Amino acid sequence: MPITVTGNEGAIISRPDAVILHDNYSNLGKGITIDRIESMFFGKQKVLTLLNQTGCAGLRIYFGHKSAAEAFDPEMILVAIDVHGEDISAPTGFLSEGVPCPKICPVNGL
């Protein structure tokens, strides 16, 4: 079934609701001895490069892994999508290699 993307998908949520979501994520891994990535930062200009592509209606975020090795090394891939929900892969491409927390972490983050 074809979909139509309006550009209004998603919801702006309150800080308390965001904290609950983040805490739920953090609590899932209790007792697991891996370095957990709490968040990923992408620069405004890079995000705008994706958003400013012709036909862009929003962004999709894929979850990835930097290698096929067993070491936990997650990555996020941001891609512009069109009004039909399809990835726009050219000419700008995809955004990845964000800066993780821990590395750059907010003092008053979630």
C-alpha atoms as a PDB file:
ATOM      1  CA  MET A   1       0.000   0.000   0.000  1.00  0.00           C
ATOM      2  CA  PRO A   2       1.518   3.376  -0.989  1.00  0.00           C
ATOM      3  CA  ILE A   3       2.111   5.875   1.759  1.00  0.00           C
ATOM      4  CA  THR A   4       2.254   9.637   1.720  1.00  0.00           C
ATOM      5  CA  VAL A   5       4.705  11.504   3.911  1.00  0.00           C
ATOM      6  CA  THR A   6       3.456  14.908   5.045  1.00  0.00           C
ATOM      7  CA  GLY A   7       6.544  16.171   6.839  1.00  0.00           C
ATOM      8  CA  ASN A   8       4.626  16.279  10.125  1.00  0.00           C
ATOM      9  CA  GLU A   9       5.375  12.712  11.207  1.00  0.00           C
ATOM     10  CA  GLY A  10       6.664  12.198  14.716  1.00  0.00           C
ATOM     11  CA  ALA A  11       5.787  14.001  17.896  1.00  0.00           C
ATOM     12  CA  ILE A  12       7.385  16.749  19.926  1.00  0.00           C
ATOM     13  CA  ILE A  13       7.464  15.306  23.422  1.00  0.00           C
ATOM     14  CA  SER A  14       8.159  16.808  26.815  1.00  0.00           C
ATOM     15  CA  ARG A  15      11.478  16.444  28.595  1.00  0.00           C
ATOM     16  CA  PRO A  16       9.935  14.136  31.257  1.00  0.00           C
ATOM     17  CA  ASP A  17       8.562  11.858  28.530  1.00  0.00           C
ATOM     18  CA  ALA A  18      11.955  11.852  26.774  1.00  0.00           C
ATOM     19  CA  VAL A  19      13.671  10.972  30.069  1.00  0.00           C
ATOM     20  CA  ILE A  20      11.311   8.016  30.538  1.00  0.00           C
ATOM     21  CA  LEU A  21      12.065   6.716  27.026  1.00  0.00           C
ATOM     22  CA  HIS A  22      15.809   7.108  27.554  1.00  0.00           C
ATOM     23  CA  ASP A  23      15.675   5.457  30.992  1.00  0.00           C
ATOM     24  CA  ASN A  24      13.748   2.526  29.515  1.00  0.00           C
ATOM     25  CA  TYR A  25      16.532   2.089  26.946  1.00  0.00           C
ATOM     26  CA  SER A  26      19.255   2.407  29.582  1.00  0.00           C
ATOM     27  CA  ASN A  27      17.592  -0.130  31.883  1.00  0.00           C
ATOM     28  CA  LEU A  28      17.370  -2.767  29.142  1.00  0.00           C
ATOM     29  CA  GLY A  29      21.110  -3.395  29.324  1.00  0.00           C
ATOM     30  CA  LYS A  30      21.553  -3.575  33.093  1.00  0.00           C
ATOM     31  CA  GLY A  31      24.202  -6.165  33.879  1.00  0.00           C
ATOM     32  CA  ILE A  32      25.591  -6.247  30.329  1.00  0.00           C
ATOM     33  CA  THR A  33      29.263  -5.333  30.308  1.00  0.00           C
ATOM     34  CA  ILE A  34      29.545  -3.359  27.096  1.00  0.00           C
ATOM     35  CA  ASP A  35      30.226   0.306  26.537  1.00  0.00           C
ATOM     36  CA  ARG A  36      26.748   1.619  25.857  1.00  0.00           C
ATOM     37  CA  ILE A  37      26.330   4.537  23.511  1.00  0.00           C
ATOM     38  CA  GLU A  38      23.796   6.890  25.048  1.00  0.00           C
ATOM     39  CA  SER A  39      23.327   9.206  22.090  1.00  0.00           C
ATOM     40  CA  MET A  40      24.756  10.312  18.760  1.00  0.00           C
ATOM     41  CA  PHE A  41      25.407  13.912  17.730  1.00  0.00           C
ATOM     42  CA  PHE A  42      25.210  15.174  14.127  1.00  0.00           C
ATOM     43  CA  GLY A  43      26.101  18.730  13.142  1.00  0.00           C
ATOM     44  CA  LYS A  44      23.374  21.109  11.992  1.00  0.00           C
ATOM     45  CA  GLN A  45      24.946  21.791   8.588  1.00  0.00           C
ATOM     46  CA  LYS A  46      25.155  18.083   7.786  1.00  0.00           C
ATOM     47  CA  VAL A  47      21.529  17.524   8.802  1.00  0.00           C
ATOM     48  CA  LEU A  48      20.421  20.550   6.762  1.00  0.00           C
ATOM     49  CA  THR A  49      22.303  19.170   3.752  1.00  0.00           C
ATOM     50  CA  LEU A  50      19.986  16.155   3.868  1.00  0.00           C
ATOM     51  CA  LEU A  51      16.835  18.157   4.641  1.00  0.00           C
ATOM     52  CA  ASN A  52      17.478  20.696   1.881  1.00  0.00           C
ATOM     53  CA  GLN A  53      17.542  18.086  -0.893  1.00  0.00           C
ATOM     54  CA  THR A  54      14.886  18.515  -3.563  1.00  0.00           C
ATOM     55  CA  GLY A  55      11.832  16.462  -2.668  1.00  0.00           C
ATOM     56  CA  CYS A  56      12.847  15.821   0.950  1.00  0.00           C
ATOM     57  CA  ALA A  57       9.893  15.336   3.303  1.00  0.00           C
ATOM     58  CA  GLY A  58      11.859  14.193   6.357  1.00  0.00           C
ATOM     59  CA  LEU A  59      14.583  11.907   7.654  1.00  0.00           C
ATOM     60  CA  ARG A  60      14.774   8.196   8.319  1.00  0.00           C
ATOM     61  CA  ILE A  61      17.299   6.825  10.807  1.00  0.00           C
ATOM     62  CA  TYR A  62      18.732   3.373  10.243  1.00  0.00           C
ATOM     63  CA  PHE A  63      20.670   1.540  12.934  1.00  0.00           C
ATOM     64  CA  GLY A  64      23.914  -0.053  11.860  1.00  0.00           C
ATOM     65  CA  HIS A  65      27.137  -1.586  13.098  1.00  0.00           C
ATOM     66  CA  LYS A  66      30.603  -0.433  12.036  1.00  0.00           C
ATOM     67  CA  SER A  67      31.938  -3.929  11.441  1.00  0.00           C
ATOM     68  CA  ALA A  68      30.839  -7.527  11.313  1.00  0.00           C
ATOM     69  CA  ALA A  69      33.158  -8.253  14.240  1.00  0.00           C
ATOM     70  CA  GLU A  70      31.742  -9.156  17.624  1.00  0.00           C
ATOM     71  CA  ALA A  71      32.831  -5.876  19.257  1.00  0.00           C
ATOM     72  CA  PHE A  72      29.867  -3.609  19.985  1.00  0.00           C
ATOM     73  CA  ASP A  73      30.325  -0.636  17.660  1.00  0.00           C
ATOM     74  CA  PRO A  74      26.915   0.786  16.680  1.00  0.00           C
ATOM     75  CA  GLU A  75      26.301   3.503  14.120  1.00  0.00           C
ATOM     76  CA  MET A  76      23.323   5.529  12.938  1.00  0.00           C
ATOM     77  CA  ILE A  77      22.643   6.305   9.289  1.00  0.00           C
ATOM     78  CA  LEU A  78      20.397   9.266   8.460  1.00  0.00           C
ATOM     79  CA  VAL A  79      18.805   9.462   5.036  1.00  0.00           C
ATOM     80  CA  ALA A  80      16.389  11.924   3.480  1.00  0.00           C
ATOM     81  CA  ILE A  81      13.053  10.490   2.389  1.00  0.00           C
ATOM     82  CA  ASP A  82      10.532  11.697  -0.172  1.00  0.00           C
ATOM     83  CA  VAL A  83       6.760  12.117   0.157  1.00  0.00           C
ATOM     84  CA  HIS A  84       6.281   8.429  -0.687  1.00  0.00           C
ATOM     85  CA  GLY A  85       8.532   7.337   2.183  1.00  0.00           C
ATOM     86  CA  GLU A  86      11.316   6.255  -0.162  1.00  0.00           C
ATOM     87  CA  ASP A  87      14.985   6.926   0.555  1.00  0.00           C
ATOM     88  CA  ILE A  88      16.610   9.696  -1.457  1.00  0.00           C
ATOM     89  CA  SER A  89      20.115   8.385  -2.080  1.00  0.00           C
ATOM     90  CA  ALA A  90      21.467  10.919  -4.567  1.00  0.00           C
ATOM     91  CA  PRO A  91      23.105  13.313  -4.944  1.00  0.00           C
ATOM     92  CA  THR A  92      23.827  14.060  -1.299  1.00  0.00           C
ATOM     93  CA  GLY A  93      23.921  10.500   0.006  1.00  0.00           C
ATOM     94  CA  PHE A  94      23.579   9.443   3.608  1.00  0.00           C
ATOM     95  CA  LEU A  95      24.767  10.944   6.907  1.00  0.00           C
ATOM     96  CA  SER A  96      26.725   8.771   9.309  1.00  0.00           C
ATOM     97  CA  GLU A  97      29.805   8.863  11.554  1.00  0.00           C
ATOM     98  CA  GLY A  98      28.141  10.998  14.211  1.00  0.00           C
ATOM     99  CA  VAL A  99      29.940  11.758  17.449  1.00  0.00           C
ATOM    100  CA  PRO A 100      28.806   9.396  20.209  1.00  0.00           C
ATOM    101  CA  CYS A 101      28.207   9.984  23.896  1.00  0.00           C
ATOM    102  CA  PRO A 102      30.304   8.998  25.697  1.00  0.00           C
ATOM    103  CA  LYS A 103      32.752  11.238  23.888  1.00  0.00           C
ATOM    104  CA  ILE A 104      30.697  14.395  23.599  1.00  0.00           C
ATOM    105  CA  CYS A 105      28.014  14.234  26.278  1.00  0.00           C
ATOM    106  CA  PRO A 106      25.659  16.938  27.479  1.00  0.00           C
ATOM    107  CA  VAL A 107      25.998  18.071  31.076  1.00  0.00           C
ATOM    108  CA  ASN A 108      22.194  18.280  31.433  1.00  0.00           C
ATOM    109  CA  GLY A 109      21.221  15.565  28.974  1.00  0.00           C
ATOM    110  CA  LEU A 110      18.427  13.054  29.333  1.00  0.00           C
END
